[in-house]
Amino acid sequence: MGNMLVLDDGSRWGPFTSHWAAVAAMLRLGDREFTSLGDDDAYDLLIERDVRMHVVQIEHTRLQRQIAAAEGID
């Protein structure tokens, strides 16, 4: 499958409608202020939203583990 994003955790997201849609999603994930110059397809924006929710969940889980580890030390 082409036009996929593969995150650090190995999860695969897509397919996006084009290579550039995947690139725009990747840039926005790193910089919320990034604005693409073209029309963003609604389908691509839905995939991007799902990726963002997945990334937030990963970060939340990581923070929970850090808190649990810190509480175990005290």
Protein backbone atom coordinates (compact mmCIF):
# COMPACT_ATOMS: atom_id res chain seq x y z
CA MET A 1 0.00 0.00 0.00
CA GLY A 2 1.33 3.40 -0.91
CA ASN A 3 1.05 6.77 0.80
CA MET A 4 1.19 5.40 4.33
CA LEU A 5 2.60 6.93 7.49
CA VAL A 6 4.52 4.57 9.76
CA LEU A 7 4.91 5.84 13.31
CA ASP A 8 7.78 5.10 15.68
CA ASP A 9 5.66 2.42 17.37
CA GLY A 10 5.38 0.60 14.03
CA SER A 11 1.70 1.38 13.48
CA ARG A 12 0.75 2.09 9.86
CA TRP A 13 -1.77 4.78 8.91
CA GLY A 14 -3.42 5.45 5.58
CA PRO A 15 -3.59 5.12 2.75
CA PHE A 16 -3.65 8.83 2.09
CA THR A 17 -4.98 10.01 -1.26
CA SER A 18 -1.51 11.19 -2.31
CA HIS A 19 2.09 11.31 -1.22
CA TRP A 20 1.72 15.04 -0.54
CA ALA A 21 -1.32 14.51 1.68
CA ALA A 22 0.75 12.10 3.79
CA VAL A 23 3.62 14.61 3.91
CA ALA A 24 1.24 17.41 4.98
CA ALA A 25 -0.17 15.19 7.74
CA MET A 26 3.33 14.34 8.92
CA LEU A 27 4.30 18.02 9.01
CA ARG A 28 1.14 19.01 10.89
CA LEU A 29 1.73 16.26 13.45
CA GLY A 30 5.06 17.89 14.23
CA ASP A 31 3.95 21.52 13.85
CA ARG A 32 0.30 22.42 14.45
CA GLU A 33 0.94 25.83 12.83
CA PHE A 34 1.86 24.26 9.47
CA THR A 35 -0.64 25.18 6.76
CA SER A 36 -0.72 23.31 3.47
CA LEU A 37 -1.15 25.35 0.31
CA GLY A 38 -3.59 22.98 -1.36
CA ASP A 39 -7.05 21.72 -0.61
CA ASP A 40 -6.98 19.04 2.04
CA ASP A 41 -9.19 16.07 1.26
CA ALA A 42 -11.68 15.28 4.04
CA TYR A 43 -10.64 11.61 3.95
CA ASP A 44 -7.00 12.55 4.55
CA LEU A 45 -7.96 14.85 7.42
CA LEU A 46 -9.86 11.99 9.07
CA ILE A 47 -6.81 9.73 8.88
CA GLU A 48 -4.70 12.57 10.28
CA ARG A 49 -7.15 13.04 13.16
CA ASP A 50 -6.98 9.33 13.97
CA VAL A 51 -3.17 9.42 13.90
CA ARG A 52 -3.16 12.44 16.22
CA MET A 53 -5.50 10.65 18.67
CA HIS A 54 -3.22 7.58 18.56
CA VAL A 55 -0.14 9.71 19.27
CA VAL A 56 -1.91 11.43 22.19
CA GLN A 57 -2.87 8.02 23.62
CA ILE A 58 0.74 6.83 23.38
CA GLU A 59 1.95 9.96 25.16
CA HIS A 60 -0.73 9.58 27.84
CA THR A 61 0.29 5.97 28.48
CA ARG A 62 3.96 6.98 28.67
CA LEU A 63 3.18 9.69 31.24
CA GLN A 64 1.05 7.30 33.30
CA ARG A 65 3.98 4.86 33.44
CA GLN A 66 6.34 7.64 34.52
CA ILE A 67 3.96 8.69 37.30
CA ALA A 68 3.54 5.11 38.47
CA ALA A 69 7.31 4.61 38.50
CA ALA A 70 7.83 7.85 40.46
CA GLU A 71 5.19 6.87 43.00
CA GLY A 72 6.90 3.52 43.45
CA ILE A 73 10.17 5.25 44.28
CA ASP A 74 8.71 7.48 47.02
